[in-house]
Amino acid sequence: MITLHETCLEYFTRRLSEGWKCISLDSYNAILQSPEGIIRPLDLRSDVLTLRPNANGVTIQCSPFPGTGEDNYEDVNEATADEDATYVYNTGDEDVAKEDDYQLPNHTTESGTINSVKVYGRARYSAGTGYIRLGIPGGWSVSKTLTSSYVTYDNTWAVNPGDSQPFEWSDIDALETYIYLYCTSDGSSLRCTQVYAEVDYTPIVAAGRSFGFIMG
Protein backbone atom coordinates (compact mmCIF):
# COMPACT_ATOMS: atom_id res chain seq x y z
CA MET A 1 0.00 0.00 0.00
CA ILE A 2 1.59 3.26 -1.18
CA THR A 3 -0.61 5.58 0.94
CA LEU A 4 -2.10 4.81 4.35
CA HIS A 5 -4.24 7.23 6.36
CA GLU A 6 -4.75 6.32 10.02
CA THR A 7 -6.00 8.02 13.12
CA CYS A 8 -3.28 8.03 15.75
CA LEU A 9 -5.21 5.39 17.67
CA GLU A 10 -5.16 3.14 14.59
CA TYR A 11 -1.47 3.93 14.12
CA PHE A 12 -0.82 3.22 17.81
CA THR A 13 -2.58 -0.15 17.57
CA ARG A 14 -0.75 -1.13 14.38
CA ARG A 15 2.65 -0.29 15.81
CA LEU A 16 1.95 -2.39 18.90
CA SER A 17 1.07 -5.31 16.62
CA GLU A 18 4.44 -4.81 14.89
CA GLY A 19 6.35 -5.21 18.14
CA TRP A 20 6.62 -1.60 19.27
CA LYS A 21 6.04 -0.83 22.97
CA CYS A 22 4.18 1.99 24.67
CA ILE A 23 6.65 3.35 27.21
CA SER A 24 4.50 6.29 28.33
CA LEU A 25 0.79 7.17 28.21
CA ASP A 26 -0.44 10.36 29.84
CA SER A 27 -3.84 11.68 28.81
CA TYR A 28 -3.69 12.11 25.01
CA ASN A 29 0.10 11.85 24.92
CA ALA A 30 1.78 8.53 24.20
CA ILE A 31 5.37 7.57 23.53
CA LEU A 32 6.14 4.47 21.47
CA GLN A 33 9.48 2.72 21.18
CA SER A 34 10.40 0.44 18.29
CA PRO A 35 12.26 -2.86 18.83
CA GLU A 36 15.38 -1.00 17.66
CA GLY A 37 14.91 1.96 19.99
CA ILE A 38 13.23 4.55 17.76
CA ILE A 39 11.21 6.93 19.96
CA ARG A 40 7.89 8.06 18.50
CA PRO A 41 5.84 10.60 20.50
CA LEU A 42 2.14 10.62 19.61
CA ASP A 43 -0.73 12.95 20.32
CA LEU A 44 -3.67 10.57 20.07
CA ARG A 45 -5.87 13.38 18.77
CA SER A 46 -3.75 13.58 15.62
CA ASP A 47 -3.76 11.53 12.42
CA VAL A 48 -0.87 9.95 10.51
CA LEU A 49 -0.46 9.78 6.74
CA THR A 50 2.13 7.21 5.64
CA LEU A 51 3.62 7.73 2.18
CA ARG A 52 5.77 5.19 0.33
CA PRO A 53 7.80 5.83 -2.83
CA ASN A 54 5.79 5.62 -6.05
CA ALA A 55 8.39 6.77 -8.61
CA ASN A 56 12.08 7.54 -9.00
CA GLY A 57 13.18 11.11 -8.40
CA VAL A 58 15.71 13.09 -10.42
CA THR A 59 18.82 11.62 -8.76
CA ILE A 60 19.17 7.84 -8.95
CA GLN A 61 22.73 6.62 -8.33
CA CYS A 62 22.31 3.39 -6.35
CA SER A 63 22.01 0.00 -8.02
CA PRO A 64 18.79 -2.05 -7.72
CA PHE A 65 18.58 -5.64 -6.52
CA PRO A 66 17.52 -8.06 -7.90
CA GLY A 67 17.95 -5.82 -10.93
CA THR A 68 15.43 -7.53 -13.18
CA GLY A 69 14.28 -4.33 -14.86
CA GLU A 70 12.56 -2.75 -11.86
CA ASP A 71 12.94 0.91 -10.92
CA ASN A 72 14.90 1.63 -7.75
CA TYR A 73 11.87 2.86 -5.82
CA GLU A 74 10.20 -0.53 -6.29
CA ASP A 75 12.95 -2.17 -4.22
CA VAL A 76 12.31 0.03 -1.15
CA ASN A 77 8.56 0.72 -1.04
CA GLU A 78 7.17 -2.45 0.54
CA ALA A 79 4.98 -2.05 3.64
CA THR A 80 6.78 -4.87 5.44
CA ALA A 81 10.54 -4.82 4.96
CA ASP A 82 11.64 -7.80 2.84
CA GLU A 83 15.29 -7.41 3.89
CA ASP A 84 17.66 -8.93 1.30
CA ALA A 85 14.92 -9.95 -1.14
CA THR A 86 14.87 -6.44 -2.68
CA TYR A 87 17.06 -3.42 -1.96
CA VAL A 88 19.19 -0.69 -3.49
CA TYR A 89 22.91 -0.67 -2.86
CA ASN A 90 26.20 1.18 -3.12
CA THR A 91 29.34 -0.87 -3.59
CA GLY A 92 32.71 0.86 -3.59
CA ASP A 93 35.86 1.91 -1.82
CA GLU A 94 36.30 4.55 0.88
CA ASP A 95 34.55 7.88 0.18
CA VAL A 96 32.32 6.46 -2.57
CA ALA A 97 28.86 7.93 -2.02
CA LYS A 98 25.59 7.47 -3.88
CA GLU A 99 22.22 9.16 -3.54
CA ASP A 100 18.71 8.05 -4.47
CA ASP A 101 15.67 10.34 -4.52
CA TYR A 102 12.13 8.93 -4.47
CA GLN A 103 8.87 10.65 -5.28
CA LEU A 104 5.87 10.22 -2.98
CA PRO A 105 2.10 10.31 -3.61
CA ASN A 106 0.16 13.53 -3.09
CA HIS A 107 -2.22 13.84 -0.18
CA THR A 108 -5.91 13.41 -0.98
CA THR A 109 -8.62 14.48 1.48
CA GLU A 110 -6.34 15.15 4.45
CA SER A 111 -6.47 18.63 5.98
CA GLY A 112 -5.42 20.35 9.16
CA THR A 113 -2.20 21.46 10.82
CA ILE A 114 0.93 19.49 9.95
CA ASN A 115 2.97 18.79 13.06
CA SER A 116 5.97 16.99 11.56
CA VAL A 117 7.38 14.85 8.78
CA LYS A 118 9.33 11.74 9.73
CA VAL A 119 11.40 9.69 7.27
CA TYR A 120 12.47 6.10 7.86
CA GLY A 121 15.19 4.12 6.10
CA ARG A 122 16.12 0.51 6.83
CA ALA A 123 19.70 -0.35 5.92
CA ARG A 124 22.83 -2.37 6.65
CA TYR A 125 26.26 -3.14 5.27
CA SER A 126 27.08 -6.55 3.80
CA ALA A 127 30.80 -5.76 3.57
CA GLY A 128 33.11 -3.01 4.81
CA THR A 129 31.63 -0.05 6.68
CA GLY A 130 29.50 2.97 5.92
CA TYR A 131 26.66 5.24 6.91
CA ILE A 132 23.28 6.40 5.73
CA ARG A 133 21.72 9.84 5.72
CA LEU A 134 18.01 10.50 5.22
CA GLY A 135 16.65 13.61 3.58
CA ILE A 136 13.75 15.59 2.19
CA PRO A 137 13.87 18.72 0.00
CA GLY A 138 15.93 21.31 1.86
CA GLY A 139 17.42 19.13 4.57
CA TRP A 140 19.35 16.02 5.56
CA SER A 141 19.72 14.03 8.75
CA VAL A 142 23.02 13.51 10.50
CA SER A 143 25.06 10.48 9.42
CA LYS A 144 23.87 7.19 10.90
CA THR A 145 26.47 4.40 11.11
CA LEU A 146 25.36 1.11 9.59
CA THR A 147 25.74 -2.32 11.17
CA SER A 148 25.88 -5.79 9.64
CA SER A 149 22.20 -6.37 10.51
CA TYR A 150 19.30 -4.36 9.18
CA VAL A 151 18.31 -1.43 11.39
CA THR A 152 15.55 1.11 10.78
CA TYR A 153 16.87 4.68 11.04
CA ASP A 154 14.72 7.79 11.22
CA ASN A 155 14.74 11.56 11.20
CA THR A 156 11.99 14.05 12.07
CA TRP A 157 11.46 17.57 10.75
CA ALA A 158 9.05 19.78 12.71
CA VAL A 159 9.22 22.51 10.06
CA ASN A 160 10.05 22.59 6.37
CA PRO A 161 13.88 22.66 6.23
CA GLY A 162 13.73 24.49 2.92
CA ASP A 163 12.23 27.67 4.38
CA SER A 164 12.09 27.01 8.16
CA GLN A 165 8.32 27.55 8.05
CA PRO A 166 5.57 25.16 9.16
CA PHE A 167 4.79 22.49 6.59
CA GLU A 168 1.85 23.15 4.28
CA TRP A 169 -0.04 20.55 2.28
CA SER A 170 1.54 21.87 -0.90
CA ASP A 171 4.91 20.97 0.67
CA ILE A 172 3.64 17.43 1.24
CA ASP A 173 2.60 17.17 -2.41
CA ALA A 174 6.14 18.22 -3.40
CA LEU A 175 7.77 15.93 -0.84
CA GLU A 176 10.42 13.40 -1.80
CA THR A 177 12.50 11.09 0.36
CA TYR A 178 16.27 10.97 -0.12
CA ILE A 179 18.82 8.38 0.94
CA TYR A 180 22.60 8.80 0.85
CA LEU A 181 24.83 5.74 1.23
CA TYR A 182 28.48 6.53 1.98
CA CYS A 183 31.28 3.96 2.08
CA THR A 184 33.87 4.57 4.82
CA SER A 185 36.26 1.75 3.95
CA ASP A 186 37.51 0.00 0.83
CA GLY A 187 35.42 -2.87 -0.48
CA SER A 188 32.21 -1.71 1.17
CA SER A 189 28.71 -2.76 0.14
CA LEU A 190 25.79 -0.85 1.67
CA ARG A 191 22.14 -1.84 1.29
CA CYS A 192 18.84 -0.03 1.89
CA THR A 193 15.71 -2.19 1.78
CA GLN A 194 12.90 0.15 2.84
CA VAL A 195 12.12 3.89 2.77
CA TYR A 196 8.94 5.75 3.71
CA ALA A 197 7.63 8.97 5.25
CA GLU A 198 5.02 9.75 7.89
CA VAL A 199 3.09 13.01 8.03
CA ASP A 200 1.78 13.69 11.54
CA TYR A 201 -1.05 16.23 11.52
CA THR A 202 -3.93 17.52 13.61
CA PRO A 203 -7.08 17.18 11.50
CA ILE A 204 -9.94 19.59 11.33
CA VAL A 205 -12.24 17.71 13.67
CA ALA A 206 -15.71 16.94 12.42
CA ALA A 207 -18.57 17.36 14.84
CA GLY A 208 -19.18 14.17 16.79
CA ARG A 209 -15.79 12.61 16.11
CA SER A 210 -14.78 10.28 18.93
CA PHE A 211 -11.15 9.53 19.69
CA GLY A 212 -12.10 6.05 20.86
CA PHE A 213 -9.91 5.71 23.95
CA ILE A 214 -10.00 6.40 27.65
CA MET A 215 -7.60 8.92 29.11
CA GLY A 216 -5.52 7.70 32.04
C-alpha atoms as a PDB file:
ATOM      1  CA  MET A   1       0.000   0.000   0.000  1.00  0.00           C
ATOM      2  CA  ILE A   2       1.593   3.265  -1.178  1.00  0.00           C
ATOM      3  CA  THR A   3      -0.610   5.580   0.936  1.00  0.00           C
ATOM      4  CA  LEU A   4      -2.100   4.807   4.347  1.00  0.00           C
ATOM      5  CA  HIS A   5      -4.238   7.229   6.357  1.00  0.00           C
ATOM      6  CA  GLU A   6      -4.752   6.318  10.015  1.00  0.00           C
ATOM      7  CA  THR A   7      -5.997   8.016  13.116  1.00  0.00           C
ATOM      8  CA  CYS A   8      -3.282   8.034  15.747  1.00  0.00           C
ATOM      9  CA  LEU A   9      -5.209   5.391  17.667  1.00  0.00           C
ATOM     10  CA  GLU A  10      -5.157   3.143  14.585  1.00  0.00           C
ATOM     11  CA  TYR A  11      -1.470   3.933  14.122  1.00  0.00           C
ATOM     12  CA  PHE A  12      -0.823   3.225  17.812  1.00  0.00           C
ATOM     13  CA  THR A  13      -2.582  -0.150  17.571  1.00  0.00           C
ATOM     14  CA  ARG A  14      -0.751  -1.129  14.384  1.00  0.00           C
ATOM     15  CA  ARG A  15       2.645  -0.288  15.811  1.00  0.00           C
ATOM     16  CA  LEU A  16       1.950  -2.386  18.900  1.00  0.00           C
ATOM     17  CA  SER A  17       1.066  -5.311  16.615  1.00  0.00           C
ATOM     18  CA  GLU A  18       4.436  -4.814  14.890  1.00  0.00           C
ATOM     19  CA  GLY A  19       6.352  -5.214  18.140  1.00  0.00           C
ATOM     20  CA  TRP A  20       6.624  -1.599  19.275  1.00  0.00           C
ATOM     21  CA  LYS A  21       6.040  -0.830  22.970  1.00  0.00           C
ATOM     22  CA  CYS A  22       4.182   1.989  24.668  1.00  0.00           C
ATOM     23  CA  ILE A  23       6.652   3.355  27.210  1.00  0.00           C
ATOM     24  CA  SER A  24       4.502   6.289  28.333  1.00  0.00           C
ATOM     25  CA  LEU A  25       0.795   7.168  28.206  1.00  0.00           C
ATOM     26  CA  ASP A  26      -0.437  10.365  29.837  1.00  0.00           C
ATOM     27  CA  SER A  27      -3.842  11.676  28.809  1.00  0.00           C
ATOM     28  CA  TYR A  28      -3.687  12.107  25.012  1.00  0.00           C
ATOM     29  CA  ASN A  29       0.102  11.854  24.920  1.00  0.00           C
ATOM     30  CA  ALA A  30       1.775   8.527  24.202  1.00  0.00           C
ATOM     31  CA  ILE A  31       5.374   7.572  23.527  1.00  0.00           C
ATOM     32  CA  LEU A  32       6.136   4.474  21.474  1.00  0.00           C
ATOM     33  CA  GLN A  33       9.477   2.715  21.184  1.00  0.00           C
ATOM     34  CA  SER A  34      10.399   0.436  18.289  1.00  0.00           C
ATOM     35  CA  PRO A  35      12.259  -2.859  18.833  1.00  0.00           C
ATOM     36  CA  GLU A  36      15.382  -1.005  17.664  1.00  0.00           C
ATOM     37  CA  GLY A  37      14.915   1.963  19.993  1.00  0.00           C
ATOM     38  CA  ILE A  38      13.231   4.549  17.761  1.00  0.00           C
ATOM     39  CA  ILE A  39      11.210   6.926  19.963  1.00  0.00           C
ATOM     40  CA  ARG A  40       7.887   8.060  18.499  1.00  0.00           C
ATOM     41  CA  PRO A  41       5.842  10.598  20.496  1.00  0.00           C
ATOM     42  CA  LEU A  42       2.141  10.624  19.611  1.00  0.00           C
ATOM     43  CA  ASP A  43      -0.730  12.952  20.325  1.00  0.00           C
ATOM     44  CA  LEU A  44      -3.673  10.573  20.071  1.00  0.00           C
ATOM     45  CA  ARG A  45      -5.875  13.383  18.770  1.00  0.00           C
ATOM     46  CA  SER A  46      -3.745  13.580  15.622  1.00  0.00           C
ATOM     47  CA  ASP A  47      -3.756  11.527  12.421  1.00  0.00           C
ATOM     48  CA  VAL A  48      -0.868   9.951  10.510  1.00  0.00           C
ATOM     49  CA  LEU A  49      -0.456   9.785   6.738  1.00  0.00           C
ATOM     50  CA  THR A  50       2.127   7.208   5.642  1.00  0.00           C
ATOM     51  CA  LEU A  51       3.621   7.727   2.176  1.00  0.00           C
ATOM     52  CA  ARG A  52       5.770   5.186   0.332  1.00  0.00           C
ATOM     53  CA  PRO A  53       7.803   5.833  -2.834  1.00  0.00           C
ATOM     54  CA  ASN A  54       5.792   5.620  -6.053  1.00  0.00           C
ATOM     55  CA  ALA A  55       8.393   6.770  -8.607  1.00  0.00           C
ATOM     56  CA  ASN A  56      12.080   7.539  -8.998  1.00  0.00           C
ATOM     57  CA  GLY A  57      13.177  11.108  -8.398  1.00  0.00           C
ATOM     58  CA  VAL A  58      15.711  13.086 -10.422  1.00  0.00           C
ATOM     59  CA  THR A  59      18.815  11.625  -8.763  1.00  0.00           C
ATOM     60  CA  ILE A  60      19.173   7.843  -8.949  1.00  0.00           C
ATOM     61  CA  GLN A  61      22.735   6.615  -8.331  1.00  0.00           C
ATOM     62  CA  CYS A  62      22.309   3.391  -6.353  1.00  0.00           C
ATOM     63  CA  SER A  63      22.009   0.004  -8.016  1.00  0.00           C
ATOM     64  CA  PRO A  64      18.794  -2.049  -7.725  1.00  0.00           C
ATOM     65  CA  PHE A  65      18.576  -5.638  -6.522  1.00  0.00           C
ATOM     66  CA  PRO A  66      17.518  -8.063  -7.904  1.00  0.00           C
ATOM     67  CA  GLY A  67      17.945  -5.817 -10.930  1.00  0.00           C
ATOM     68  CA  THR A  68      15.429  -7.534 -13.181  1.00  0.00           C
ATOM     69  CA  GLY A  69      14.280  -4.327 -14.855  1.00  0.00           C
ATOM     70  CA  GLU A  70      12.563  -2.748 -11.864  1.00  0.00           C
ATOM     71  CA  ASP A  71      12.937   0.911 -10.919  1.00  0.00           C
ATOM     72  CA  ASN A  72      14.903   1.631  -7.750  1.00  0.00           C
ATOM     73  CA  TYR A  73      11.872   2.864  -5.818  1.00  0.00           C
ATOM     74  CA  GLU A  74      10.196  -0.531  -6.288  1.00  0.00           C
ATOM     75  CA  ASP A  75      12.947  -2.169  -4.222  1.00  0.00           C
ATOM     76  CA  VAL A  76      12.305   0.028  -1.148  1.00  0.00           C
ATOM     77  CA  ASN A  77       8.557   0.724  -1.041  1.00  0.00           C
ATOM     78  CA  GLU A  78       7.173  -2.449   0.542  1.00  0.00           C
ATOM     79  CA  ALA A  79       4.978  -2.052   3.636  1.00  0.00           C
ATOM     80  CA  THR A  80       6.777  -4.875   5.444  1.00  0.00           C
ATOM     81  CA  ALA A  81      10.539  -4.822   4.958  1.00  0.00           C
ATOM     82  CA  ASP A  82      11.643  -7.796   2.838  1.00  0.00           C
ATOM     83  CA  GLU A  83      15.291  -7.414   3.892  1.00  0.00           C
ATOM     84  CA  ASP A  84      17.656  -8.933   1.304  1.00  0.00           C
ATOM     85  CA  ALA A  85      14.919  -9.945  -1.145  1.00  0.00           C
ATOM     86  CA  THR A  86      14.867  -6.440  -2.683  1.00  0.00           C
ATOM     87  CA  TYR A  87      17.056  -3.421  -1.957  1.00  0.00           C
ATOM     88  CA  VAL A  88      19.194  -0.689  -3.486  1.00  0.00           C
ATOM     89  CA  TYR A  89      22.911  -0.671  -2.856  1.00  0.00           C
ATOM     90  CA  ASN A  90      26.202   1.183  -3.117  1.00  0.00           C
ATOM     91  CA  THR A  91      29.344  -0.875  -3.587  1.00  0.00           C
ATOM     92  CA  GLY A  92      32.709   0.862  -3.594  1.00  0.00           C
ATOM     93  CA  ASP A  93      35.858   1.914  -1.818  1.00  0.00           C
ATOM     94  CA  GLU A  94      36.304   4.552   0.876  1.00  0.00           C
ATOM     95  CA  ASP A  95      34.550   7.875   0.177  1.00  0.00           C
ATOM     96  CA  VAL A  96      32.323   6.455  -2.573  1.00  0.00           C
ATOM     97  CA  ALA A  97      28.860   7.932  -2.024  1.00  0.00           C
ATOM     98  CA  LYS A  98      25.586   7.465  -3.879  1.00  0.00           C
ATOM     99  CA  GLU A  99      22.216   9.162  -3.536  1.00  0.00           C
ATOM    100  CA  ASP A 100      18.715   8.054  -4.473  1.00  0.00           C
ATOM    101  CA  ASP A 101      15.668  10.337  -4.518  1.00  0.00           C
ATOM    102  CA  TYR A 102      12.135   8.929  -4.472  1.00  0.00           C
ATOM    103  CA  GLN A 103       8.866  10.649  -5.281  1.00  0.00           C
ATOM    104  CA  LEU A 104       5.867  10.221  -2.980  1.00  0.00           C
ATOM    105  CA  PRO A 105       2.099  10.310  -3.605  1.00  0.00           C
ATOM    106  CA  ASN A 106       0.156  13.529  -3.093  1.00  0.00           C
ATOM    107  CA  HIS A 107      -2.224  13.836  -0.183  1.00  0.00           C
ATOM    108  CA  THR A 108      -5.913  13.410  -0.981  1.00  0.00           C
ATOM    109  CA  THR A 109      -8.624  14.477   1.477  1.00  0.00           C
ATOM    110  CA  GLU A 110      -6.339  15.154   4.454  1.00  0.00           C
ATOM    111  CA  SER A 111      -6.470  18.632   5.979  1.00  0.00           C
ATOM    112  CA  GLY A 112      -5.423  20.349   9.163  1.00  0.00           C
ATOM    113  CA  THR A 113      -2.203  21.462  10.820  1.00  0.00           C
ATOM    114  CA  ILE A 114       0.927  19.494   9.949  1.00  0.00           C
ATOM    115  CA  ASN A 115       2.974  18.794  13.063  1.00  0.00           C
ATOM    116  CA  SER A 116       5.966  16.985  11.565  1.00  0.00           C
ATOM    117  CA  VAL A 117       7.376  14.846   8.778  1.00  0.00           C
ATOM    118  CA  LYS A 118       9.328  11.740   9.730  1.00  0.00           C
ATOM    119  CA  VAL A 119      11.400   9.688   7.266  1.00  0.00           C
ATOM    120  CA  TYR A 120      12.475   6.101   7.860  1.00  0.00           C
ATOM    121  CA  GLY A 121      15.191   4.120   6.100  1.00  0.00           C
ATOM    122  CA  ARG A 122      16.117   0.509   6.827  1.00  0.00           C
ATOM    123  CA  ALA A 123      19.699  -0.346   5.918  1.00  0.00           C
ATOM    124  CA  ARG A 124      22.827  -2.370   6.655  1.00  0.00           C
ATOM    125  CA  TYR A 125      26.265  -3.142   5.270  1.00  0.00           C
ATOM    126  CA  SER A 126      27.082  -6.551   3.802  1.00  0.00           C
ATOM    127  CA  ALA A 127      30.804  -5.759   3.565  1.00  0.00           C
ATOM    128  CA  GLY A 128      33.107  -3.013   4.810  1.00  0.00           C
ATOM    129  CA  THR A 129      31.633  -0.047   6.678  1.00  0.00           C
ATOM    130  CA  GLY A 130      29.501   2.973   5.924  1.00  0.00           C
ATOM    131  CA  TYR A 131      26.664   5.239   6.914  1.00  0.00           C
ATOM    132  CA  ILE A 132      23.279   6.399   5.727  1.00  0.00           C
ATOM    133  CA  ARG A 133      21.719   9.842   5.718  1.00  0.00           C
ATOM    134  CA  LEU A 134      18.010  10.504   5.219  1.00  0.00           C
ATOM    135  CA  GLY A 135      16.646  13.607   3.579  1.00  0.00           C
ATOM    136  CA  ILE A 136      13.750  15.589   2.186  1.00  0.00           C
ATOM    137  CA  PRO A 137      13.867  18.718  -0.002  1.00  0.00           C
ATOM    138  CA  GLY A 138      15.929  21.309   1.861  1.00  0.00           C
ATOM    139  CA  GLY A 139      17.422  19.127   4.568  1.00  0.00           C
ATOM    140  CA  TRP A 140      19.352  16.021   5.562  1.00  0.00           C
ATOM    141  CA  SER A 141      19.715  14.028   8.751  1.00  0.00           C
ATOM    142  CA  VAL A 142      23.019  13.510  10.495  1.00  0.00           C
ATOM    143  CA  SER A 143      25.057  10.477   9.418  1.00  0.00           C
ATOM    144  CA  LYS A 144      23.874   7.186  10.904  1.00  0.00           C
ATOM    145  CA  THR A 145      26.467   4.404  11.113  1.00  0.00           C
ATOM    146  CA  LEU A 146      25.363   1.111   9.590  1.00  0.00           C
ATOM    147  CA  THR A 147      25.735  -2.319  11.169  1.00  0.00           C
ATOM    148  CA  SER A 148      25.878  -5.789   9.645  1.00  0.00           C
ATOM    149  CA  SER A 149      22.198  -6.369  10.508  1.00  0.00           C
ATOM    150  CA  TYR A 150      19.297  -4.359   9.185  1.00  0.00           C
ATOM    151  CA  VAL A 151      18.311  -1.432  11.393  1.00  0.00           C
ATOM    152  CA  THR A 152      15.553   1.115  10.784  1.00  0.00           C
ATOM    153  CA  TYR A 153      16.869   4.680  11.043  1.00  0.00           C
ATOM    154  CA  ASP A 154      14.720   7.795  11.217  1.00  0.00           C
ATOM    155  CA  ASN A 155      14.735  11.558  11.202  1.00  0.00           C
ATOM    156  CA  THR A 156      11.986  14.046  12.071  1.00  0.00           C
ATOM    157  CA  TRP A 157      11.456  17.575  10.746  1.00  0.00           C
ATOM    158  CA  ALA A 158       9.050  19.779  12.708  1.00  0.00           C
ATOM    159  CA  VAL A 159       9.223  22.511  10.057  1.00  0.00           C
ATOM    160  CA  ASN A 160      10.049  22.591   6.366  1.00  0.00           C
ATOM    161  CA  PRO A 161      13.876  22.658   6.232  1.00  0.00           C
ATOM    162  CA  GLY A 162      13.729  24.490   2.921  1.00  0.00           C
ATOM    163  CA  ASP A 163      12.230  27.667   4.377  1.00  0.00           C
ATOM    164  CA  SER A 164      12.089  27.014   8.162  1.00  0.00           C
ATOM    165  CA  GLN A 165       8.323  27.553   8.054  1.00  0.00           C
ATOM    166  CA  PRO A 166       5.565  25.157   9.157  1.00  0.00           C
ATOM    167  CA  PHE A 167       4.790  22.489   6.594  1.00  0.00           C
ATOM    168  CA  GLU A 168       1.852  23.147   4.282  1.00  0.00           C
ATOM    169  CA  TRP A 169      -0.043  20.548   2.284  1.00  0.00           C
ATOM    170  CA  SER A 170       1.540  21.873  -0.901  1.00  0.00           C
ATOM    171  CA  ASP A 171       4.914  20.968   0.674  1.00  0.00           C
ATOM    172  CA  ILE A 172       3.643  17.429   1.238  1.00  0.00           C
ATOM    173  CA  ASP A 173       2.603  17.166  -2.405  1.00  0.00           C
ATOM    174  CA  ALA A 174       6.138  18.224  -3.404  1.00  0.00           C
ATOM    175  CA  LEU A 175       7.767  15.930  -0.836  1.00  0.00           C
ATOM    176  CA  GLU A 176      10.424  13.405  -1.802  1.00  0.00           C
ATOM    177  CA  THR A 177      12.502  11.090   0.356  1.00  0.00           C
ATOM    178  CA  TYR A 178      16.274  10.972  -0.116  1.00  0.00           C
ATOM    179  CA  ILE A 179      18.824   8.376   0.937  1.00  0.00           C
ATOM    180  CA  TYR A 180      22.597   8.805   0.853  1.00  0.00           C
ATOM    181  CA  LEU A 181      24.825   5.740   1.232  1.00  0.00           C
ATOM    182  CA  TYR A 182      28.477   6.534   1.977  1.00  0.00           C
ATOM    183  CA  CYS A 183      31.284   3.960   2.080  1.00  0.00           C
ATOM    184  CA  THR A 184      33.866   4.573   4.819  1.00  0.00           C
ATOM    185  CA  SER A 185      36.261   1.748   3.950  1.00  0.00           C
ATOM    186  CA  ASP A 186      37.506  -0.001   0.829  1.00  0.00           C
ATOM    187  CA  GLY A 187      35.422  -2.866  -0.483  1.00  0.00           C
ATOM    188  CA  SER A 188      32.208  -1.711   1.167  1.00  0.00           C
ATOM    189  CA  SER A 189      28.711  -2.763   0.143  1.00  0.00           C
ATOM    190  CA  LEU A 190      25.790  -0.855   1.669  1.00  0.00           C
ATOM    191  CA  ARG A 191      22.139  -1.838   1.293  1.00  0.00           C
ATOM    192  CA  CYS A 192      18.841  -0.034   1.886  1.00  0.00           C
ATOM    193  CA  THR A 193      15.712  -2.189   1.775  1.00  0.00           C
ATOM    194  CA  GLN A 194      12.896   0.150   2.838  1.00  0.00           C
ATOM    195  CA  VAL A 195      12.122   3.890   2.771  1.00  0.00           C
ATOM    196  CA  TYR A 196       8.939   5.749   3.712  1.00  0.00           C
ATOM    197  CA  ALA A 197       7.627   8.970   5.250  1.00  0.00           C
ATOM    198  CA  GLU A 198       5.021   9.753   7.895  1.00  0.00           C
ATOM    199  CA  VAL A 199       3.093  13.013   8.031  1.00  0.00           C
ATOM    200  CA  ASP A 200       1.778  13.689  11.543  1.00  0.00           C
ATOM    201  CA  TYR A 201      -1.055  16.227  11.522  1.00  0.00           C
ATOM    202  CA  THR A 202      -3.930  17.517  13.608  1.00  0.00           C
ATOM    203  CA  PRO A 203      -7.082  17.180  11.501  1.00  0.00           C
ATOM    204  CA  ILE A 204      -9.943  19.595  11.326  1.00  0.00           C
ATOM    205  CA  VAL A 205     -12.237  17.706  13.675  1.00  0.00           C
ATOM    206  CA  ALA A 206     -15.710  16.941  12.423  1.00  0.00           C
ATOM    207  CA  ALA A 207     -18.574  17.356  14.845  1.00  0.00           C
ATOM    208  CA  GLY A 208     -19.184  14.175  16.787  1.00  0.00           C
ATOM    209  CA  ARG A 209     -15.793  12.608  16.114  1.00  0.00           C
ATOM    210  CA  SER A 210     -14.776  10.284  18.928  1.00  0.00           C
ATOM    211  CA  PHE A 211     -11.154   9.535  19.691  1.00  0.00           C
ATOM    212  CA  GLY A 212     -12.096   6.053  20.864  1.00  0.00           C
ATOM    213  CA  PHE A 213      -9.905   5.713  23.950  1.00  0.00           C
ATOM    214  CA  ILE A 214     -10.002   6.398  27.650  1.00  0.00           C
ATOM    215  CA  MET A 215      -7.604   8.916  29.114  1.00  0.00           C
ATOM    216  CA  GLY A 216      -5.518   7.701  32.043  1.00  0.00           C
END
